[in-house]
Amino acid sequence: MSIFPTTILLATDGSEEAQLAATTAADLAQKTNSELHLITVGPDLPLYELPEHPAEFEDVLRKNRHEAKEMLEQQAKRIEESGMSVKRLV
């Protein structure tokens, strides 16, 4: 039994600090033969935020989710370019 994890979960927000964490996590995953999972969360507005404009609210949610997914894909691509495979979790 290894003392190293078989799965590493990396939470990212696309920031400079997240880039450093991604490099470190990818390196650790590669050295320990661990699976690297990448997750992000984006801003969601509470349901009461725009009660008089539900269509606008759905548009804002859709935009926020799209931006979070796009950022996740960019981060995953950077990691994959370094030779690691990544599992994406949104």
N, C-alpha and C. Protein backbone atom coordinates (compact mmCIF):
# COMPACT_ATOMS: atom_id res chain seq x y z
N MET A 1 0.85 -1.19 0.00
CA MET A 1 0.00 0.00 0.00
C MET A 1 0.88 1.24 0.00
N SER A 2 0.59 2.16 -0.89
CA SER A 2 1.35 3.39 -1.02
C SER A 2 0.82 4.45 -0.07
N ILE A 3 1.70 5.33 0.36
CA ILE A 3 1.26 6.45 1.20
C ILE A 3 0.71 7.58 0.33
N PHE A 4 0.86 7.46 -0.99
CA PHE A 4 0.39 8.49 -1.89
C PHE A 4 -1.05 8.21 -2.33
N PRO A 5 -1.79 9.29 -2.58
CA PRO A 5 -3.18 9.11 -3.03
C PRO A 5 -3.22 8.56 -4.45
N THR A 6 -4.30 7.92 -4.80
CA THR A 6 -4.47 7.46 -6.18
C THR A 6 -5.26 8.48 -6.98
N THR A 7 -5.88 9.44 -6.30
CA THR A 7 -6.63 10.51 -6.94
C THR A 7 -6.27 11.82 -6.27
N ILE A 8 -5.99 12.82 -7.07
CA ILE A 8 -5.72 14.17 -6.57
C ILE A 8 -6.79 15.08 -7.14
N LEU A 9 -7.43 15.86 -6.28
CA LEU A 9 -8.46 16.80 -6.69
C LEU A 9 -7.88 18.21 -6.65
N LEU A 10 -7.90 18.88 -7.80
CA LEU A 10 -7.40 20.24 -7.92
C LEU A 10 -8.56 21.17 -8.18
N ALA A 11 -8.81 22.09 -7.27
CA ALA A 11 -9.84 23.12 -7.46
C ALA A 11 -9.15 24.34 -8.05
N THR A 12 -9.74 24.91 -9.09
CA THR A 12 -9.11 26.05 -9.75
C THR A 12 -10.10 27.18 -10.00
N ASP A 13 -9.59 28.39 -9.96
CA ASP A 13 -10.40 29.56 -10.31
C ASP A 13 -9.75 30.36 -11.42
N GLY A 14 -8.68 29.82 -11.99
CA GLY A 14 -8.02 30.48 -13.10
C GLY A 14 -7.01 31.54 -12.68
N SER A 15 -6.84 31.75 -11.40
CA SER A 15 -5.93 32.78 -10.92
C SER A 15 -4.47 32.34 -11.07
N GLU A 16 -3.56 33.27 -10.83
CA GLU A 16 -2.14 32.98 -10.88
C GLU A 16 -1.76 31.92 -9.84
N GLU A 17 -2.36 32.02 -8.67
CA GLU A 17 -2.10 31.04 -7.63
C GLU A 17 -2.59 29.65 -8.04
N ALA A 18 -3.73 29.62 -8.74
CA ALA A 18 -4.28 28.36 -9.22
C ALA A 18 -3.35 27.73 -10.26
N GLN A 19 -2.68 28.56 -11.05
CA GLN A 19 -1.71 28.05 -12.02
C GLN A 19 -0.56 27.34 -11.32
N LEU A 20 -0.07 27.95 -10.25
CA LEU A 20 1.00 27.33 -9.47
C LEU A 20 0.53 26.02 -8.85
N ALA A 21 -0.68 26.03 -8.31
CA ALA A 21 -1.25 24.81 -7.72
C ALA A 21 -1.41 23.73 -8.78
N ALA A 22 -1.81 24.11 -9.99
CA ALA A 22 -1.99 23.15 -11.07
C ALA A 22 -0.66 22.51 -11.46
N THR A 23 0.37 23.32 -11.55
CA THR A 23 1.70 22.79 -11.88
C THR A 23 2.16 21.81 -10.81
N THR A 24 1.97 22.18 -9.57
CA THR A 24 2.37 21.32 -8.46
C THR A 24 1.55 20.04 -8.42
N ALA A 25 0.24 20.15 -8.61
CA ALA A 25 -0.63 18.97 -8.59
C ALA A 25 -0.32 18.03 -9.74
N ALA A 26 -0.07 18.59 -10.93
CA ALA A 26 0.25 17.76 -12.09
C ALA A 26 1.57 17.03 -11.86
N ASP A 27 2.54 17.72 -11.32
CA ASP A 27 3.83 17.11 -11.03
C ASP A 27 3.69 15.99 -10.00
N LEU A 28 2.95 16.26 -8.95
CA LEU A 28 2.73 15.25 -7.90
C LEU A 28 1.97 14.05 -8.46
N ALA A 29 0.95 14.31 -9.26
CA ALA A 29 0.17 13.22 -9.85
C ALA A 29 1.04 12.35 -10.75
N GLN A 30 1.90 13.00 -11.51
CA GLN A 30 2.77 12.25 -12.42
C GLN A 30 3.78 11.40 -11.64
N LYS A 31 4.36 11.99 -10.61
CA LYS A 31 5.38 11.28 -9.82
C LYS A 31 4.80 10.13 -9.00
N THR A 32 3.53 10.25 -8.62
CA THR A 32 2.92 9.22 -7.78
C THR A 32 1.96 8.32 -8.56
N ASN A 33 1.90 8.53 -9.88
CA ASN A 33 1.00 7.76 -10.73
C ASN A 33 -0.46 7.87 -10.26
N SER A 34 -0.83 9.08 -9.88
CA SER A 34 -2.18 9.34 -9.40
C SER A 34 -3.02 9.95 -10.52
N GLU A 35 -4.32 9.80 -10.41
CA GLU A 35 -5.26 10.39 -11.36
C GLU A 35 -5.54 11.82 -10.89
N LEU A 36 -5.47 12.77 -11.81
CA LEU A 36 -5.69 14.17 -11.48
C LEU A 36 -7.09 14.58 -11.93
N HIS A 37 -7.89 15.05 -10.97
CA HIS A 37 -9.24 15.55 -11.25
C HIS A 37 -9.21 17.06 -11.09
N LEU A 38 -9.87 17.75 -11.99
CA LEU A 38 -9.90 19.21 -11.99
C LEU A 38 -11.34 19.68 -11.82
N ILE A 39 -11.54 20.59 -10.90
CA ILE A 39 -12.89 21.09 -10.62
C ILE A 39 -12.86 22.61 -10.52
N THR A 40 -13.96 23.21 -10.87
CA THR A 40 -14.11 24.64 -10.68
C THR A 40 -15.56 24.93 -10.31
N VAL A 41 -15.76 26.03 -9.68
CA VAL A 41 -17.11 26.52 -9.41
C VAL A 41 -17.14 27.97 -9.83
N GLY A 42 -18.25 28.37 -10.38
CA GLY A 42 -18.40 29.75 -10.79
C GLY A 42 -19.48 30.41 -9.95
N PRO A 43 -19.61 31.70 -10.08
CA PRO A 43 -20.63 32.40 -9.30
C PRO A 43 -22.03 32.04 -9.77
N ASP A 44 -22.87 31.68 -8.88
CA ASP A 44 -24.29 31.49 -9.14
C ASP A 44 -25.04 32.50 -8.28
N LEU A 45 -26.06 33.06 -8.82
CA LEU A 45 -26.86 34.02 -8.05
C LEU A 45 -27.94 33.27 -7.30
N PRO A 46 -28.26 33.72 -6.10
CA PRO A 46 -29.38 33.08 -5.39
C PRO A 46 -30.68 33.27 -6.18
N LEU A 47 -31.61 32.36 -6.00
CA LEU A 47 -32.86 32.40 -6.75
C LEU A 47 -33.65 33.69 -6.54
N TYR A 48 -33.47 34.35 -5.43
CA TYR A 48 -34.23 35.57 -5.15
C TYR A 48 -33.56 36.81 -5.75
N GLU A 49 -32.43 36.66 -6.42
CA GLU A 49 -31.67 37.81 -6.91
C GLU A 49 -32.43 38.64 -7.94
N LEU A 50 -33.09 38.01 -8.89
CA LEU A 50 -33.81 38.73 -9.94
C LEU A 50 -35.23 38.20 -10.10
N PRO A 51 -36.05 38.22 -9.06
CA PRO A 51 -37.37 37.59 -9.15
C PRO A 51 -38.29 38.24 -10.19
N GLU A 52 -38.12 39.53 -10.44
CA GLU A 52 -39.00 40.19 -11.41
C GLU A 52 -38.51 40.04 -12.85
N HIS A 53 -37.34 39.44 -13.03
CA HIS A 53 -36.77 39.23 -14.37
C HIS A 53 -36.21 37.82 -14.49
N PRO A 54 -37.08 36.80 -14.47
CA PRO A 54 -36.57 35.42 -14.48
C PRO A 54 -35.77 35.08 -15.75
N ALA A 55 -36.13 35.63 -16.90
CA ALA A 55 -35.39 35.34 -18.13
C ALA A 55 -33.98 35.91 -18.04
N GLU A 56 -33.86 37.12 -17.51
CA GLU A 56 -32.55 37.75 -17.32
C GLU A 56 -31.70 36.91 -16.37
N PHE A 57 -32.32 36.42 -15.32
CA PHE A 57 -31.64 35.60 -14.32
C PHE A 57 -31.08 34.34 -14.98
N GLU A 58 -31.86 33.68 -15.81
CA GLU A 58 -31.39 32.47 -16.50
C GLU A 58 -30.24 32.80 -17.44
N ASP A 59 -30.30 33.95 -18.10
CA ASP A 59 -29.21 34.37 -18.98
C ASP A 59 -27.92 34.57 -18.20
N VAL A 60 -28.03 35.21 -17.04
CA VAL A 60 -26.86 35.45 -16.19
C VAL A 60 -26.28 34.12 -15.72
N LEU A 61 -27.13 33.20 -15.28
CA LEU A 61 -26.66 31.88 -14.85
C LEU A 61 -25.96 31.15 -15.99
N ARG A 62 -26.56 31.17 -17.15
CA ARG A 62 -25.99 30.49 -18.32
C ARG A 62 -24.62 31.08 -18.66
N LYS A 63 -24.51 32.40 -18.62
CA LYS A 63 -23.24 33.08 -18.91
C LYS A 63 -22.18 32.69 -17.88
N ASN A 64 -22.55 32.71 -16.59
CA ASN A 64 -21.61 32.36 -15.53
C ASN A 64 -21.13 30.92 -15.67
N ARG A 65 -22.04 30.02 -15.97
CA ARG A 65 -21.67 28.61 -16.13
C ARG A 65 -20.77 28.42 -17.35
N HIS A 66 -21.07 29.13 -18.43
CA HIS A 66 -20.24 29.04 -19.63
C HIS A 66 -18.82 29.53 -19.33
N GLU A 67 -18.69 30.66 -18.63
CA GLU A 67 -17.38 31.20 -18.29
C GLU A 67 -16.60 30.24 -17.39
N ALA A 68 -17.28 29.62 -16.42
CA ALA A 68 -16.62 28.66 -15.54
C ALA A 68 -16.13 27.44 -16.33
N LYS A 69 -16.96 26.97 -17.24
CA LYS A 69 -16.59 25.80 -18.04
C LYS A 69 -15.42 26.14 -18.97
N GLU A 70 -15.44 27.32 -19.55
CA GLU A 70 -14.36 27.76 -20.43
C GLU A 70 -13.04 27.86 -19.66
N MET A 71 -13.08 28.42 -18.47
CA MET A 71 -11.88 28.54 -17.65
C MET A 71 -11.35 27.16 -17.28
N LEU A 72 -12.25 26.23 -16.96
CA LEU A 72 -11.87 24.86 -16.63
C LEU A 72 -11.18 24.21 -17.83
N GLU A 73 -11.72 24.40 -19.00
CA GLU A 73 -11.13 23.82 -20.21
C GLU A 73 -9.74 24.38 -20.47
N GLN A 74 -9.57 25.68 -20.26
CA GLN A 74 -8.26 26.31 -20.47
C GLN A 74 -7.23 25.73 -19.49
N GLN A 75 -7.62 25.58 -18.24
CA GLN A 75 -6.71 25.03 -17.24
C GLN A 75 -6.38 23.58 -17.56
N ALA A 76 -7.38 22.81 -17.95
CA ALA A 76 -7.17 21.41 -18.29
C ALA A 76 -6.23 21.29 -19.49
N LYS A 77 -6.40 22.16 -20.47
CA LYS A 77 -5.55 22.14 -21.66
C LYS A 77 -4.09 22.39 -21.28
N ARG A 78 -3.85 23.36 -20.39
CA ARG A 78 -2.48 23.65 -19.95
C ARG A 78 -1.85 22.42 -19.28
N ILE A 79 -2.64 21.76 -18.45
CA ILE A 79 -2.13 20.57 -17.76
C ILE A 79 -1.86 19.45 -18.76
N GLU A 80 -2.79 19.26 -19.69
CA GLU A 80 -2.62 18.20 -20.69
C GLU A 80 -1.42 18.47 -21.60
N GLU A 81 -1.13 19.73 -21.87
CA GLU A 81 0.04 20.08 -22.67
C GLU A 81 1.34 19.70 -21.98
N SER A 82 1.28 19.58 -20.64
CA SER A 82 2.47 19.17 -19.89
C SER A 82 2.61 17.65 -19.84
N GLY A 83 1.65 16.95 -20.48
CA GLY A 83 1.76 15.50 -20.56
C GLY A 83 0.86 14.73 -19.61
N MET A 84 0.07 15.40 -18.80
CA MET A 84 -0.83 14.72 -17.86
C MET A 84 -2.22 14.65 -18.45
N SER A 85 -2.95 13.61 -18.08
CA SER A 85 -4.37 13.57 -18.45
C SER A 85 -5.17 14.09 -17.26
N VAL A 86 -6.32 14.63 -17.56
CA VAL A 86 -7.12 15.32 -16.54
C VAL A 86 -8.56 14.87 -16.65
N LYS A 87 -9.21 14.65 -15.50
CA LYS A 87 -10.65 14.42 -15.44
C LYS A 87 -11.27 15.75 -15.03
N ARG A 88 -12.28 16.19 -15.77
CA ARG A 88 -12.92 17.48 -15.48
C ARG A 88 -14.20 17.27 -14.70
N LEU A 89 -14.40 18.10 -13.68
CA LEU A 89 -15.60 18.07 -12.86
C LEU A 89 -16.14 19.49 -12.78
N VAL A 90 -17.38 19.68 -13.15
CA VAL A 90 -17.97 21.04 -13.09
C VAL A 90 -19.08 21.04 -12.06
